[in-house]
Amino acid sequence: MNEVLSDRKNKGNVTYRIVVSEDATRLFIELEKLMKVRSKEADKNN
């Protein structure tokens, strides 16, 4: 499998990760949405 593109884009507290790869006959697109989680306990300590 040959990786064509791998990139990350940030929009606020959300990160999108996209990976495009191909083999002899097919194209694969993987899209992952990563969200930053803020701990409420950390806010209480500050």
C-alpha atoms as a PDB file:
ATOM      1  CA  MET A   1       0.000   0.000   0.000  1.00  0.00           C
ATOM      2  CA  ASN A   2       1.365   3.412  -1.023  1.00  0.00           C
ATOM      3  CA  GLU A   3       0.590   6.444   1.165  1.00  0.00           C
ATOM      4  CA  VAL A   4      -0.320   9.427  -1.027  1.00  0.00           C
ATOM      5  CA  LEU A   5      -1.200  12.083   1.565  1.00  0.00           C
ATOM      6  CA  SER A   6      -1.093  12.472   5.336  1.00  0.00           C
ATOM      7  CA  ASP A   7      -2.188  15.765   6.894  1.00  0.00           C
ATOM      8  CA  ARG A   8      -3.678  17.324  10.036  1.00  0.00           C
ATOM      9  CA  LYS A   9      -5.937  20.380  10.222  1.00  0.00           C
ATOM     10  CA  ASN A  10      -6.921  22.236  13.393  1.00  0.00           C
ATOM     11  CA  LYS A  11     -10.259  24.021  13.798  1.00  0.00           C
ATOM     12  CA  GLY A  12     -10.612  25.401  17.324  1.00  0.00           C
ATOM     13  CA  ASN A  13     -10.373  22.489  19.739  1.00  0.00           C
ATOM     14  CA  VAL A  14     -10.980  19.861  17.013  1.00  0.00           C
ATOM     15  CA  THR A  15      -8.204  18.281  14.942  1.00  0.00           C
ATOM     16  CA  TYR A  16      -8.922  16.409  11.714  1.00  0.00           C
ATOM     17  CA  ARG A  17      -6.400  13.823  10.509  1.00  0.00           C
ATOM     18  CA  ILE A  18      -6.655  12.564   6.923  1.00  0.00           C
ATOM     19  CA  VAL A  19      -4.621   9.781   5.333  1.00  0.00           C
ATOM     20  CA  VAL A  20      -4.984   8.899   1.647  1.00  0.00           C
ATOM     21  CA  SER A  21      -3.326   5.724   0.383  1.00  0.00           C
ATOM     22  CA  GLU A  22      -3.644   3.464  -2.632  1.00  0.00           C
ATOM     23  CA  ASP A  23      -2.848  -0.023  -3.824  1.00  0.00           C
ATOM     24  CA  ALA A  24      -2.938  -1.369  -7.391  1.00  0.00           C
ATOM     25  CA  THR A  25      -6.716  -1.077  -7.818  1.00  0.00           C
ATOM     26  CA  ARG A  26      -8.154   0.903  -4.889  1.00  0.00           C
ATOM     27  CA  LEU A  27      -7.902   4.281  -3.158  1.00  0.00           C
ATOM     28  CA  PHE A  28      -8.336   4.451   0.625  1.00  0.00           C
ATOM     29  CA  ILE A  29      -9.319   7.597   2.543  1.00  0.00           C
ATOM     30  CA  GLU A  30      -9.133   7.573   6.338  1.00  0.00           C
ATOM     31  CA  LEU A  31     -10.559  10.586   8.179  1.00  0.00           C
ATOM     32  CA  GLU A  32     -10.245  10.863  11.947  1.00  0.00           C
ATOM     33  CA  LYS A  33     -11.794  13.560  14.142  1.00  0.00           C
ATOM     34  CA  LEU A  34      -9.883  14.232  17.360  1.00  0.00           C
ATOM     35  CA  MET A  35     -11.455  16.448  20.011  1.00  0.00           C
ATOM     36  CA  LYS A  36      -9.542  18.041  22.880  1.00  0.00           C
ATOM     37  CA  VAL A  37     -11.162  17.216  26.206  1.00  0.00           C
ATOM     38  CA  ARG A  38     -10.840  19.748  28.989  1.00  0.00           C
ATOM     39  CA  SER A  39     -10.726  18.355  32.488  1.00  0.00           C
ATOM     40  CA  LYS A  40     -13.072  20.040  34.950  1.00  0.00           C
ATOM     41  CA  GLU A  41     -10.763  19.001  37.811  1.00  0.00           C
ATOM     42  CA  ALA A  42      -7.929  21.054  36.321  1.00  0.00           C
ATOM     43  CA  ASP A  43     -10.205  24.117  36.256  1.00  0.00           C
ATOM     44  CA  LYS A  44     -10.998  23.680  39.965  1.00  0.00           C
ATOM     45  CA  ASN A  45      -7.307  23.619  40.899  1.00  0.00           C
ATOM     46  CA  ASN A  46      -6.507  26.891  39.075  1.00  0.00           C
END
